[in-house]
Amino acid sequence: MLEVKLSEEEAKSGADPAALAELIEAVGACGNLRLLGLMTMPPWTEDPEASRPYFRRLRELAERHGLPQLSMGMSHDLEAAIEEGATCVRVGTALFGTRRA
C-alpha cells in the first residue's frame, strides 16, 4: 500500500495526492512489487466524524486509480472508515488498550 498525506499536519507523512499517478506508475514498473491500495492517517481527533472527509478523499483517489484496498481507520473511528470503504482497519487500542507512555 502507498500512504497518502491528506492533511497539513506536520507529524504526518505520505505521498502528495498530486504525485500519486506518477508514483503508482513507478511502482508498477517494479517487477517485484504489487500495489494493492492506499492508506492514510487523518489528524487525531476525539470526533470520529471529523475523519470522514479524509477517508472519503482516499476512497475517491483509490477508485480513480483502480486500487481495491483501503487501509484507514483506527479503534476510535473505524465505523466511519468502514462506511467510507475501508478494507483494513487498525484496532490495536481496542484489542490491547491504550499504550503506556
N, C-alpha and C. Protein backbone atom coordinates (compact mmCIF):
# COMPACT_ATOMS: atom_id res chain seq x y z
N MET A 1 0.84 -1.18 0.00
CA MET A 1 0.00 0.00 0.00
C MET A 1 0.88 1.24 0.00
N LEU A 2 0.36 2.30 -0.58
CA LEU A 2 1.03 3.59 -0.55
C LEU A 2 0.30 4.49 0.45
N GLU A 3 1.07 5.14 1.32
CA GLU A 3 0.46 6.09 2.23
C GLU A 3 0.33 7.44 1.54
N VAL A 4 -0.85 8.03 1.67
CA VAL A 4 -1.14 9.32 1.05
C VAL A 4 -1.36 10.35 2.17
N LYS A 5 -0.68 11.47 2.05
CA LYS A 5 -0.83 12.54 3.04
C LYS A 5 -1.97 13.45 2.61
N LEU A 6 -3.06 13.40 3.35
CA LEU A 6 -4.23 14.19 3.01
C LEU A 6 -4.46 15.37 3.94
N SER A 7 -3.63 15.53 4.96
CA SER A 7 -3.77 16.64 5.89
C SER A 7 -2.52 17.50 5.85
N GLU A 8 -2.63 18.68 6.43
CA GLU A 8 -1.49 19.60 6.50
C GLU A 8 -0.64 19.35 7.74
N GLU A 9 -1.03 18.38 8.54
CA GLU A 9 -0.35 18.09 9.80
C GLU A 9 1.13 17.75 9.57
N GLU A 10 2.00 18.45 10.28
CA GLU A 10 3.45 18.23 10.15
C GLU A 10 3.86 16.82 10.54
N ALA A 11 3.18 16.23 11.52
CA ALA A 11 3.56 14.92 12.03
C ALA A 11 3.22 13.78 11.06
N LYS A 12 2.42 14.06 10.06
CA LYS A 12 2.02 13.02 9.10
C LYS A 12 2.92 13.06 7.88
N SER A 13 3.04 11.90 7.24
CA SER A 13 3.83 11.83 6.02
C SER A 13 3.07 10.99 5.00
N GLY A 14 3.60 10.92 3.80
CA GLY A 14 2.98 10.14 2.75
C GLY A 14 3.09 10.87 1.43
N ALA A 15 2.61 10.22 0.41
CA ALA A 15 2.66 10.78 -0.94
C ALA A 15 1.68 11.94 -1.09
N ASP A 16 2.09 12.92 -1.84
CA ASP A 16 1.22 14.04 -2.20
C ASP A 16 0.19 13.50 -3.19
N PRO A 17 -1.10 13.76 -2.97
CA PRO A 17 -2.11 13.27 -3.91
C PRO A 17 -1.85 13.68 -5.36
N ALA A 18 -1.26 14.85 -5.56
CA ALA A 18 -0.97 15.32 -6.92
C ALA A 18 0.10 14.48 -7.61
N ALA A 19 0.95 13.81 -6.83
CA ALA A 19 2.03 12.99 -7.39
C ALA A 19 1.67 11.51 -7.44
N LEU A 20 0.45 11.18 -7.06
CA LEU A 20 0.07 9.77 -6.93
C LEU A 20 0.14 8.99 -8.24
N ALA A 21 -0.36 9.57 -9.32
CA ALA A 21 -0.34 8.86 -10.61
C ALA A 21 1.08 8.48 -11.01
N GLU A 22 2.00 9.40 -10.86
CA GLU A 22 3.40 9.13 -11.21
C GLU A 22 4.00 8.06 -10.29
N LEU A 23 3.69 8.12 -9.01
CA LEU A 23 4.20 7.13 -8.07
C LEU A 23 3.62 5.75 -8.35
N ILE A 24 2.35 5.68 -8.66
CA ILE A 24 1.71 4.40 -8.99
C ILE A 24 2.36 3.80 -10.23
N GLU A 25 2.65 4.62 -11.21
CA GLU A 25 3.32 4.15 -12.43
C GLU A 25 4.71 3.62 -12.11
N ALA A 26 5.43 4.32 -11.24
CA ALA A 26 6.78 3.88 -10.86
C ALA A 26 6.74 2.54 -10.12
N VAL A 27 5.78 2.39 -9.24
CA VAL A 27 5.64 1.11 -8.52
C VAL A 27 5.29 0.00 -9.51
N GLY A 28 4.42 0.30 -10.45
CA GLY A 28 4.03 -0.69 -11.46
C GLY A 28 5.19 -1.16 -12.32
N ALA A 29 6.21 -0.33 -12.46
CA ALA A 29 7.39 -0.69 -13.26
C ALA A 29 8.35 -1.59 -12.48
N CYS A 30 8.10 -1.78 -11.21
CA CYS A 30 8.95 -2.63 -10.37
C CYS A 30 8.37 -4.04 -10.35
N GLY A 31 9.02 -4.95 -11.01
CA GLY A 31 8.51 -6.30 -11.18
C GLY A 31 8.25 -7.07 -9.89
N ASN A 32 8.93 -6.74 -8.81
CA ASN A 32 8.76 -7.48 -7.56
C ASN A 32 7.80 -6.81 -6.58
N LEU A 33 7.15 -5.73 -7.02
CA LEU A 33 6.19 -5.05 -6.15
C LEU A 33 4.79 -5.21 -6.73
N ARG A 34 3.81 -5.31 -5.84
CA ARG A 34 2.41 -5.39 -6.25
C ARG A 34 1.62 -4.40 -5.41
N LEU A 35 1.17 -3.35 -6.01
CA LEU A 35 0.42 -2.31 -5.31
C LEU A 35 -1.03 -2.74 -5.19
N LEU A 36 -1.50 -2.83 -3.95
CA LEU A 36 -2.87 -3.26 -3.69
C LEU A 36 -3.82 -2.11 -3.40
N GLY A 37 -3.29 -1.05 -2.80
CA GLY A 37 -4.19 0.03 -2.43
C GLY A 37 -3.48 1.18 -1.77
N LEU A 38 -4.27 1.99 -1.06
CA LEU A 38 -3.79 3.21 -0.43
C LEU A 38 -4.10 3.19 1.06
N MET A 39 -3.35 3.99 1.81
CA MET A 39 -3.61 4.15 3.23
C MET A 39 -3.43 5.61 3.60
N THR A 40 -4.06 6.00 4.72
CA THR A 40 -3.90 7.36 5.22
C THR A 40 -4.14 7.40 6.72
N MET A 41 -3.64 8.47 7.34
CA MET A 41 -3.85 8.74 8.76
C MET A 41 -4.37 10.16 8.86
N PRO A 42 -5.65 10.34 9.17
CA PRO A 42 -6.16 11.70 9.33
C PRO A 42 -5.64 12.32 10.63
N PRO A 43 -5.79 13.63 10.78
CA PRO A 43 -5.38 14.26 12.04
C PRO A 43 -6.16 13.65 13.21
N TRP A 44 -5.51 13.53 14.36
CA TRP A 44 -6.17 12.96 15.53
C TRP A 44 -7.27 13.89 16.02
N THR A 45 -8.39 13.29 16.34
CA THR A 45 -9.50 14.00 16.95
C THR A 45 -10.34 12.98 17.71
N GLU A 46 -10.99 13.42 18.76
CA GLU A 46 -11.91 12.55 19.51
C GLU A 46 -13.18 12.28 18.71
N ASP A 47 -13.51 13.17 17.76
CA ASP A 47 -14.74 13.06 16.98
C ASP A 47 -14.49 12.20 15.74
N PRO A 48 -15.02 10.98 15.71
CA PRO A 48 -14.78 10.10 14.57
C PRO A 48 -15.30 10.66 13.25
N GLU A 49 -16.33 11.49 13.31
CA GLU A 49 -16.88 12.06 12.08
C GLU A 49 -15.92 13.05 11.43
N ALA A 50 -15.02 13.63 12.19
CA ALA A 50 -14.05 14.57 11.64
C ALA A 50 -13.06 13.87 10.70
N SER A 51 -12.93 12.56 10.83
CA SER A 51 -12.03 11.78 9.96
C SER A 51 -12.68 11.43 8.63
N ARG A 52 -13.99 11.46 8.59
CA ARG A 52 -14.72 11.01 7.40
C ARG A 52 -14.27 11.69 6.10
N PRO A 53 -14.09 13.01 6.05
CA PRO A 53 -13.67 13.63 4.77
C PRO A 53 -12.33 13.09 4.26
N TYR A 54 -11.43 12.75 5.16
CA TYR A 54 -10.14 12.19 4.75
C TYR A 54 -10.33 10.78 4.19
N PHE A 55 -11.20 10.00 4.83
CA PHE A 55 -11.48 8.64 4.35
C PHE A 55 -12.15 8.69 2.98
N ARG A 56 -13.10 9.60 2.84
CA ARG A 56 -13.81 9.74 1.56
C ARG A 56 -12.84 10.14 0.44
N ARG A 57 -11.96 11.07 0.73
CA ARG A 57 -10.97 11.52 -0.27
C ARG A 57 -10.06 10.38 -0.69
N LEU A 58 -9.63 9.56 0.28
CA LEU A 58 -8.76 8.44 -0.06
C LEU A 58 -9.50 7.43 -0.93
N ARG A 59 -10.77 7.17 -0.60
CA ARG A 59 -11.57 6.24 -1.42
C ARG A 59 -11.68 6.77 -2.85
N GLU A 60 -11.92 8.05 -3.00
CA GLU A 60 -12.02 8.64 -4.33
C GLU A 60 -10.72 8.50 -5.11
N LEU A 61 -9.59 8.70 -4.44
CA LEU A 61 -8.29 8.53 -5.10
C LEU A 61 -8.07 7.08 -5.51
N ALA A 62 -8.42 6.15 -4.64
CA ALA A 62 -8.25 4.73 -4.96
C ALA A 62 -9.12 4.33 -6.15
N GLU A 63 -10.35 4.80 -6.16
CA GLU A 63 -11.24 4.49 -7.28
C GLU A 63 -10.69 5.06 -8.58
N ARG A 64 -10.19 6.28 -8.53
CA ARG A 64 -9.64 6.93 -9.72
C ARG A 64 -8.48 6.13 -10.31
N HIS A 65 -7.71 5.48 -9.44
CA HIS A 65 -6.52 4.76 -9.89
C HIS A 65 -6.72 3.25 -9.93
N GLY A 66 -7.94 2.79 -9.73
CA GLY A 66 -8.25 1.37 -9.84
C GLY A 66 -7.61 0.49 -8.77
N LEU A 67 -7.47 1.02 -7.57
CA LEU A 67 -6.86 0.27 -6.47
C LEU A 67 -7.94 -0.21 -5.52
N PRO A 68 -8.01 -1.51 -5.24
CA PRO A 68 -9.14 -2.07 -4.48
C PRO A 68 -9.04 -2.00 -2.96
N GLN A 69 -7.87 -1.84 -2.40
CA GLN A 69 -7.71 -1.90 -0.95
C GLN A 69 -7.56 -0.51 -0.34
N LEU A 70 -8.14 -0.32 0.84
CA LEU A 70 -8.04 0.93 1.58
C LEU A 70 -7.73 0.63 3.04
N SER A 71 -6.59 1.06 3.51
CA SER A 71 -6.22 0.92 4.92
C SER A 71 -6.41 2.29 5.57
N MET A 72 -7.46 2.40 6.36
CA MET A 72 -7.77 3.66 7.01
C MET A 72 -8.69 3.37 8.18
N GLY A 73 -8.53 4.15 9.22
CA GLY A 73 -9.36 3.99 10.40
C GLY A 73 -8.63 3.25 11.50
N MET A 74 -8.91 3.71 12.72
CA MET A 74 -8.34 3.09 13.90
C MET A 74 -9.48 2.80 14.87
N SER A 75 -9.14 2.34 16.05
CA SER A 75 -10.16 1.90 17.00
C SER A 75 -11.27 2.92 17.21
N HIS A 76 -10.93 4.20 17.29
CA HIS A 76 -11.92 5.22 17.62
C HIS A 76 -12.76 5.70 16.43
N ASP A 77 -12.32 5.45 15.20
CA ASP A 77 -13.07 5.95 14.05
C ASP A 77 -13.31 4.88 12.99
N LEU A 78 -13.23 3.62 13.39
CA LEU A 78 -13.33 2.54 12.40
C LEU A 78 -14.69 2.46 11.74
N GLU A 79 -15.76 2.84 12.44
CA GLU A 79 -17.08 2.79 11.81
C GLU A 79 -17.15 3.74 10.62
N ALA A 80 -16.68 4.97 10.79
CA ALA A 80 -16.68 5.93 9.68
C ALA A 80 -15.79 5.43 8.55
N ALA A 81 -14.66 4.84 8.90
CA ALA A 81 -13.73 4.33 7.88
C ALA A 81 -14.39 3.20 7.07
N ILE A 82 -15.05 2.29 7.75
CA ILE A 82 -15.70 1.18 7.06
C ILE A 82 -16.84 1.70 6.18
N GLU A 83 -17.60 2.64 6.69
CA GLU A 83 -18.68 3.23 5.88
C GLU A 83 -18.14 3.91 4.63
N GLU A 84 -16.92 4.40 4.69
CA GLU A 84 -16.31 5.06 3.54
C GLU A 84 -15.50 4.10 2.67
N GLY A 85 -15.48 2.82 3.00
CA GLY A 85 -14.87 1.83 2.12
C GLY A 85 -13.61 1.14 2.61
N ALA A 86 -13.23 1.32 3.87
CA ALA A 86 -12.01 0.68 4.38
C ALA A 86 -12.08 -0.83 4.23
N THR A 87 -10.98 -1.41 3.80
CA THR A 87 -10.85 -2.86 3.75
C THR A 87 -9.91 -3.36 4.83
N CYS A 88 -9.15 -2.45 5.43
CA CYS A 88 -8.24 -2.76 6.54
C CYS A 88 -8.39 -1.64 7.57
N VAL A 89 -8.52 -2.02 8.84
CA VAL A 89 -8.54 -1.03 9.92
C VAL A 89 -7.52 -1.45 10.96
N ARG A 90 -7.00 -0.47 11.69
CA ARG A 90 -6.01 -0.74 12.73
C ARG A 90 -6.70 -0.59 14.08
N VAL A 91 -6.82 -1.68 14.80
CA VAL A 91 -7.61 -1.70 16.02
C VAL A 91 -6.81 -2.12 17.25
N GLY A 92 -5.55 -1.76 17.31
CA GLY A 92 -4.69 -2.15 18.42
C GLY A 92 -5.21 -1.69 19.77
N THR A 93 -5.66 -0.44 19.86
CA THR A 93 -6.15 0.07 21.13
C THR A 93 -7.38 -0.69 21.59
N ALA A 94 -8.28 -1.02 20.67
CA ALA A 94 -9.48 -1.78 21.03
C ALA A 94 -9.12 -3.17 21.53
N LEU A 95 -8.06 -3.74 21.00
CA LEU A 95 -7.65 -5.09 21.41
C LEU A 95 -6.77 -5.11 22.64
N PHE A 96 -5.82 -4.17 22.72
CA PHE A 96 -4.79 -4.22 23.76
C PHE A 96 -4.84 -3.10 24.78
N GLY A 97 -5.73 -2.11 24.58
CA GLY A 97 -5.80 -0.98 25.47
C GLY A 97 -4.85 0.12 25.04
N THR A 98 -4.87 1.23 25.80
CA THR A 98 -4.01 2.35 25.45
C THR A 98 -2.56 2.03 25.78
N ARG A 99 -1.68 2.66 25.05
CA ARG A 99 -0.24 2.47 25.27
C ARG A 99 0.20 3.19 26.54
N ARG A 100 1.18 2.60 27.17
CA ARG A 100 1.80 3.28 28.32
C ARG A 100 2.81 4.28 27.80
N ALA A 101 2.82 5.43 28.42
CA ALA A 101 3.75 6.49 27.99
C ALA A 101 5.18 6.19 28.37
